[in-house]
Amino acid sequence: MNDGIHLFTPLKLVQISNKNAKGYPLHIRQLIRKKCAAWRLYKRYKSDSLRQKYLSIKKQCSTSIAAFIKQKEYSIIRKDNLGLFYKYVNNKLSCKSGVGVLRDTDGSVISDDFCLKQT
């Protein structure tokens, strides 16, 4: 019975990809893979030593990612390219559609510039 199943059942290849690791250098991607492997081991066996190993790799991974982002931001600032700076900032914004409707204290919609109202 098992031979028939193995002969006539198609196999499906599954690739596991980490979308969070996109754009990181090799050493950070390796740390992310180590962190995932440590988590799988801890989740399976639930020992304190595996938990400590996972937490240490997690801390190492987060500090190296933060250092990479900091270095990337410093390099954008050092290039003194205003267009590159605005491109980076706009990619970091969570609200892509702009600012919503502004209302005054009485609830009316504000369409004038704020600087003109302060005169």
N, C-alpha and C. Protein backbone atom coordinates (compact mmCIF):
# COMPACT_ATOMS: atom_id res chain seq x y z
N MET A 1 0.82 -1.19 0.00
CA MET A 1 0.00 0.00 0.00
C MET A 1 0.87 1.27 0.00
N ASN A 2 1.91 1.27 0.85
CA ASN A 2 2.79 2.44 0.93
C ASN A 2 3.56 2.65 -0.36
N ASP A 3 3.91 1.55 -1.06
CA ASP A 3 4.61 1.69 -2.33
C ASP A 3 3.74 2.39 -3.36
N GLY A 4 2.46 2.09 -3.39
CA GLY A 4 1.53 2.75 -4.31
C GLY A 4 1.39 4.23 -4.00
N ILE A 5 1.36 4.55 -2.72
CA ILE A 5 1.27 5.96 -2.33
C ILE A 5 2.51 6.71 -2.76
N HIS A 6 3.68 6.13 -2.54
CA HIS A 6 4.93 6.79 -2.92
C HIS A 6 5.09 6.91 -4.43
N LEU A 7 4.54 5.96 -5.18
CA LEU A 7 4.66 6.00 -6.64
C LEU A 7 3.74 7.03 -7.27
N PHE A 8 2.52 7.17 -6.74
CA PHE A 8 1.52 7.96 -7.43
C PHE A 8 1.16 9.28 -6.74
N THR A 9 1.76 9.57 -5.62
CA THR A 9 1.50 10.84 -4.95
C THR A 9 2.61 11.82 -5.31
N PRO A 10 2.24 12.97 -5.90
CA PRO A 10 3.28 13.94 -6.26
C PRO A 10 3.83 14.63 -5.00
N LEU A 11 5.10 14.92 -5.06
CA LEU A 11 5.75 15.64 -3.97
C LEU A 11 5.73 17.13 -4.25
N LYS A 12 5.60 17.90 -3.22
CA LYS A 12 5.60 19.35 -3.36
C LYS A 12 6.80 19.90 -2.59
N LEU A 13 7.63 20.65 -3.28
CA LEU A 13 8.78 21.28 -2.64
C LEU A 13 8.35 22.60 -2.01
N VAL A 14 8.71 22.78 -0.78
CA VAL A 14 8.35 23.99 -0.05
C VAL A 14 9.64 24.71 0.31
N GLN A 15 9.71 25.97 -0.05
CA GLN A 15 10.87 26.77 0.31
C GLN A 15 10.46 27.74 1.40
N ILE A 16 11.25 27.76 2.45
CA ILE A 16 11.00 28.68 3.55
C ILE A 16 11.86 29.91 3.33
N SER A 17 11.21 31.04 3.22
CA SER A 17 11.97 32.28 3.04
C SER A 17 11.60 33.25 4.15
N ASN A 18 12.55 34.00 4.57
CA ASN A 18 12.33 35.00 5.59
C ASN A 18 12.30 36.36 4.92
N LYS A 19 11.11 36.94 4.82
CA LYS A 19 10.97 38.22 4.14
C LYS A 19 11.61 39.35 4.94
N ASN A 20 11.78 39.12 6.25
CA ASN A 20 12.39 40.15 7.08
C ASN A 20 13.88 40.29 6.79
N ALA A 21 14.51 39.25 6.26
CA ALA A 21 15.96 39.27 6.03
C ALA A 21 16.33 39.90 4.70
N LYS A 22 15.36 40.36 3.94
CA LYS A 22 15.64 40.91 2.62
C LYS A 22 16.46 42.20 2.75
N GLY A 23 17.55 42.26 2.04
CA GLY A 23 18.37 43.46 2.03
C GLY A 23 19.45 43.52 3.08
N TYR A 24 19.53 42.52 3.94
CA TYR A 24 20.57 42.51 4.96
C TYR A 24 21.82 41.83 4.42
N PRO A 25 22.98 42.18 4.96
CA PRO A 25 24.22 41.50 4.55
C PRO A 25 24.24 40.06 5.07
N LEU A 26 25.22 39.30 4.59
CA LEU A 26 25.29 37.87 4.85
C LEU A 26 25.38 37.55 6.33
N HIS A 27 26.18 38.29 7.09
CA HIS A 27 26.34 37.95 8.50
C HIS A 27 25.05 38.13 9.28
N ILE A 28 24.22 39.09 8.89
CA ILE A 28 22.93 39.29 9.57
C ILE A 28 21.95 38.19 9.15
N ARG A 29 21.95 37.82 7.87
CA ARG A 29 21.08 36.73 7.43
C ARG A 29 21.44 35.42 8.12
N GLN A 30 22.75 35.20 8.34
CA GLN A 30 23.16 33.99 9.06
C GLN A 30 22.69 34.02 10.51
N LEU A 31 22.74 35.20 11.14
CA LEU A 31 22.24 35.31 12.51
C LEU A 31 20.73 35.06 12.57
N ILE A 32 20.01 35.54 11.58
CA ILE A 32 18.56 35.31 11.55
C ILE A 32 18.26 33.82 11.40
N ARG A 33 19.04 33.14 10.56
CA ARG A 33 18.85 31.69 10.42
C ARG A 33 19.18 30.96 11.72
N LYS A 34 20.25 31.39 12.40
CA LYS A 34 20.60 30.77 13.69
C LYS A 34 19.49 31.00 14.71
N LYS A 35 18.91 32.19 14.69
CA LYS A 35 17.84 32.50 15.63
C LYS A 35 16.62 31.62 15.36
N CYS A 36 16.28 31.42 14.10
CA CYS A 36 15.15 30.56 13.75
C CYS A 36 15.41 29.12 14.17
N ALA A 37 16.62 28.65 13.95
CA ALA A 37 16.96 27.28 14.34
C ALA A 37 16.92 27.12 15.86
N ALA A 38 17.43 28.11 16.59
CA ALA A 38 17.40 28.05 18.05
C ALA A 38 15.97 28.07 18.56
N TRP A 39 15.11 28.86 17.91
CA TRP A 39 13.71 28.90 18.32
C TRP A 39 13.03 27.55 18.09
N ARG A 40 13.31 26.94 16.94
CA ARG A 40 12.72 25.62 16.67
C ARG A 40 13.14 24.60 17.71
N LEU A 41 14.42 24.61 18.09
CA LEU A 41 14.89 23.68 19.12
C LEU A 41 14.24 23.96 20.47
N TYR A 42 14.16 25.23 20.84
CA TYR A 42 13.55 25.57 22.13
C TYR A 42 12.07 25.19 22.15
N LYS A 43 11.39 25.46 21.05
CA LYS A 43 9.96 25.16 20.98
C LYS A 43 9.71 23.65 21.10
N ARG A 44 10.63 22.87 20.60
CA ARG A 44 10.45 21.42 20.61
C ARG A 44 10.78 20.80 21.96
N TYR A 45 11.89 21.23 22.59
CA TYR A 45 12.36 20.57 23.80
C TYR A 45 12.10 21.35 25.09
N LYS A 46 11.86 22.65 25.02
CA LYS A 46 11.50 23.51 26.16
C LYS A 46 12.47 23.42 27.34
N SER A 47 13.76 23.49 27.08
CA SER A 47 14.73 23.47 28.18
C SER A 47 15.24 24.90 28.43
N ASP A 48 15.71 25.13 29.64
CA ASP A 48 16.19 26.47 30.00
C ASP A 48 17.47 26.83 29.25
N SER A 49 18.33 25.85 29.01
CA SER A 49 19.57 26.15 28.29
C SER A 49 19.28 26.55 26.85
N LEU A 50 18.30 25.89 26.22
CA LEU A 50 17.94 26.27 24.85
C LEU A 50 17.27 27.64 24.82
N ARG A 51 16.52 27.96 25.87
CA ARG A 51 15.89 29.28 25.93
C ARG A 51 16.95 30.37 26.07
N GLN A 52 17.95 30.14 26.92
CA GLN A 52 19.02 31.12 27.08
C GLN A 52 19.83 31.28 25.80
N LYS A 53 20.05 30.18 25.09
CA LYS A 53 20.77 30.25 23.82
C LYS A 53 19.97 31.05 22.80
N TYR A 54 18.64 30.82 22.74
CA TYR A 54 17.79 31.57 21.82
C TYR A 54 17.82 33.06 22.17
N LEU A 55 17.69 33.38 23.45
CA LEU A 55 17.66 34.79 23.85
C LEU A 55 18.97 35.50 23.55
N SER A 56 20.09 34.80 23.73
CA SER A 56 21.37 35.44 23.43
C SER A 56 21.53 35.68 21.92
N ILE A 57 21.12 34.71 21.11
CA ILE A 57 21.20 34.90 19.65
C ILE A 57 20.23 35.99 19.21
N LYS A 58 19.06 36.04 19.84
CA LYS A 58 18.08 37.08 19.51
C LYS A 58 18.63 38.47 19.81
N LYS A 59 19.29 38.61 20.96
CA LYS A 59 19.88 39.90 21.32
C LYS A 59 20.99 40.28 20.36
N GLN A 60 21.82 39.32 20.02
CA GLN A 60 22.92 39.57 19.08
C GLN A 60 22.37 39.96 17.71
N CYS A 61 21.30 39.31 17.30
CA CYS A 61 20.68 39.60 16.00
C CYS A 61 20.09 41.02 15.98
N SER A 62 19.38 41.37 17.04
CA SER A 62 18.75 42.69 17.06
C SER A 62 19.79 43.81 17.14
N THR A 63 20.88 43.60 17.88
CA THR A 63 21.90 44.65 17.94
C THR A 63 22.63 44.80 16.61
N SER A 64 22.87 43.70 15.91
CA SER A 64 23.54 43.82 14.61
C SER A 64 22.61 44.45 13.57
N ILE A 65 21.32 44.18 13.64
CA ILE A 65 20.38 44.83 12.72
C ILE A 65 20.31 46.33 13.01
N ALA A 66 20.26 46.69 14.29
CA ALA A 66 20.23 48.11 14.65
C ALA A 66 21.50 48.83 14.21
N ALA A 67 22.64 48.17 14.36
CA ALA A 67 23.90 48.77 13.92
C ALA A 67 23.93 48.93 12.41
N PHE A 68 23.39 47.94 11.68
CA PHE A 68 23.34 48.04 10.22
C PHE A 68 22.45 49.19 9.77
N ILE A 69 21.30 49.34 10.41
CA ILE A 69 20.38 50.43 10.05
C ILE A 69 21.01 51.78 10.38
N LYS A 70 21.68 51.86 11.52
CA LYS A 70 22.34 53.11 11.91
C LYS A 70 23.43 53.48 10.91
N GLN A 71 24.22 52.48 10.50
CA GLN A 71 25.28 52.73 9.53
C GLN A 71 24.70 53.15 8.18
N LYS A 72 23.58 52.55 7.79
CA LYS A 72 22.93 52.90 6.53
C LYS A 72 22.41 54.34 6.56
N GLU A 73 21.82 54.74 7.70
CA GLU A 73 21.32 56.11 7.83
C GLU A 73 22.47 57.12 7.83
N TYR A 74 23.56 56.80 8.51
CA TYR A 74 24.72 57.69 8.50
C TYR A 74 25.30 57.84 7.09
N SER A 75 25.31 56.75 6.33
CA SER A 75 25.85 56.86 4.97
C SER A 75 24.94 57.72 4.09
N ILE A 76 23.64 57.67 4.31
CA ILE A 76 22.72 58.53 3.55
C ILE A 76 22.96 59.99 3.92
N ILE A 77 23.18 60.25 5.20
CA ILE A 77 23.43 61.64 5.64
C ILE A 77 24.76 62.13 5.09
N ARG A 78 25.81 61.29 5.13
CA ARG A 78 27.13 61.70 4.65
C ARG A 78 27.17 61.95 3.16
N LYS A 79 26.30 61.29 2.39
CA LYS A 79 26.30 61.51 0.94
C LYS A 79 25.81 62.89 0.56
N ASP A 80 25.08 63.55 1.47
CA ASP A 80 24.60 64.91 1.25
C ASP A 80 23.75 65.01 -0.01
N ASN A 81 22.93 63.99 -0.23
CA ASN A 81 22.03 63.95 -1.38
C ASN A 81 20.62 64.10 -0.86
N LEU A 82 19.99 65.24 -1.10
CA LEU A 82 18.68 65.54 -0.55
C LEU A 82 17.60 64.61 -1.12
N GLY A 83 17.71 64.27 -2.40
CA GLY A 83 16.74 63.37 -3.01
C GLY A 83 16.79 61.98 -2.39
N LEU A 84 17.98 61.48 -2.13
CA LEU A 84 18.15 60.17 -1.50
C LEU A 84 17.61 60.19 -0.07
N PHE A 85 17.82 61.31 0.63
CA PHE A 85 17.31 61.44 1.99
C PHE A 85 15.79 61.41 1.99
N TYR A 86 15.14 62.18 1.12
CA TYR A 86 13.68 62.19 1.08
C TYR A 86 13.11 60.85 0.63
N LYS A 87 13.81 60.16 -0.25
CA LYS A 87 13.36 58.83 -0.67
C LYS A 87 13.38 57.87 0.50
N TYR A 88 14.43 57.93 1.31
CA TYR A 88 14.54 57.07 2.49
C TYR A 88 13.44 57.40 3.50
N VAL A 89 13.23 58.68 3.75
CA VAL A 89 12.22 59.10 4.72
C VAL A 89 10.83 58.71 4.25
N ASN A 90 10.53 58.91 2.98
CA ASN A 90 9.21 58.57 2.47
C ASN A 90 8.94 57.08 2.51
N ASN A 91 9.98 56.26 2.35
CA ASN A 91 9.79 54.81 2.46
C ASN A 91 9.52 54.39 3.90
N LYS A 92 9.95 55.19 4.87
CA LYS A 92 9.74 54.87 6.28
C LYS A 92 8.37 55.32 6.78
N LEU A 93 7.68 56.17 6.06
CA LEU A 93 6.38 56.65 6.51
C LEU A 93 5.36 55.53 6.46
N SER A 94 4.53 55.45 7.48
CA SER A 94 3.52 54.40 7.50
C SER A 94 2.25 54.82 6.78
N CYS A 95 1.98 56.10 6.71
CA CYS A 95 0.78 56.59 6.05
C CYS A 95 1.17 57.14 4.69
N LYS A 96 0.88 56.40 3.63
CA LYS A 96 1.31 56.80 2.29
C LYS A 96 0.37 57.81 1.64
N SER A 97 -0.85 57.95 2.16
CA SER A 97 -1.82 58.80 1.48
C SER A 97 -1.74 60.26 1.90
N GLY A 98 -0.92 60.60 2.86
CA GLY A 98 -0.81 61.98 3.28
C GLY A 98 -1.58 62.24 4.56
N VAL A 99 -1.77 63.51 4.85
CA VAL A 99 -2.43 63.91 6.09
C VAL A 99 -3.93 63.97 5.84
N GLY A 100 -4.67 63.51 6.82
CA GLY A 100 -6.13 63.53 6.71
C GLY A 100 -6.67 64.93 6.90
N VAL A 101 -7.99 65.02 6.97
CA VAL A 101 -8.69 66.30 7.11
C VAL A 101 -8.39 66.88 8.48
N LEU A 102 -8.06 68.18 8.49
CA LEU A 102 -7.80 68.88 9.74
C LEU A 102 -9.05 69.65 10.14
N ARG A 103 -9.37 69.60 11.41
CA ARG A 103 -10.56 70.30 11.91
C ARG A 103 -10.15 71.31 12.97
N ASP A 104 -10.89 72.41 13.00
CA ASP A 104 -10.67 73.46 13.98
C ASP A 104 -11.30 73.02 15.31
N THR A 105 -11.15 73.85 16.36
CA THR A 105 -11.70 73.50 17.67
C THR A 105 -13.22 73.41 17.66
N ASP A 106 -13.86 74.17 16.76
CA ASP A 106 -15.32 74.10 16.68
C ASP A 106 -15.81 73.02 15.73
N GLY A 107 -14.90 72.28 15.09
CA GLY A 107 -15.28 71.16 14.22
C GLY A 107 -15.32 71.49 12.75
N SER A 108 -15.03 72.73 12.37
CA SER A 108 -15.05 73.10 10.95
C SER A 108 -13.73 72.66 10.29
N VAL A 109 -13.82 72.38 8.99
CA VAL A 109 -12.66 71.91 8.24
C VAL A 109 -11.72 73.07 7.97
N ILE A 110 -10.44 72.86 8.21
CA ILE A 110 -9.43 73.88 7.98
C ILE A 110 -8.82 73.64 6.60
N SER A 111 -8.87 74.66 5.75
CA SER A 111 -8.26 74.54 4.43
C SER A 111 -7.21 75.61 4.21
N ASP A 112 -7.09 76.57 5.11
CA ASP A 112 -6.10 77.64 4.97
C ASP A 112 -4.80 77.22 5.64
N ASP A 113 -3.71 77.91 5.29
CA ASP A 113 -2.44 77.68 5.95
C ASP A 113 -2.51 78.19 7.39
N PHE A 114 -1.88 77.48 8.26
CA PHE A 114 -1.87 77.86 9.67
C PHE A 114 -1.13 79.16 9.89
N CYS A 115 -0.09 79.39 9.10
CA CYS A 115 0.71 80.60 9.27
C CYS A 115 -0.11 81.85 8.95
N LEU A 116 -1.04 81.74 8.01
CA LEU A 116 -1.85 82.90 7.64
C LEU A 116 -2.87 83.22 8.71
N LYS A 117 -3.31 82.25 9.51
CA LYS A 117 -4.31 82.49 10.54
C LYS A 117 -3.70 83.13 11.77
N GLN A 118 -2.38 83.08 11.94
CA GLN A 118 -1.76 83.60 13.14
C GLN A 118 -1.54 85.11 13.08
N THR A 119 -1.90 85.79 12.03
CA THR A 119 -1.63 87.22 11.93
C THR A 119 -2.47 88.06 12.82
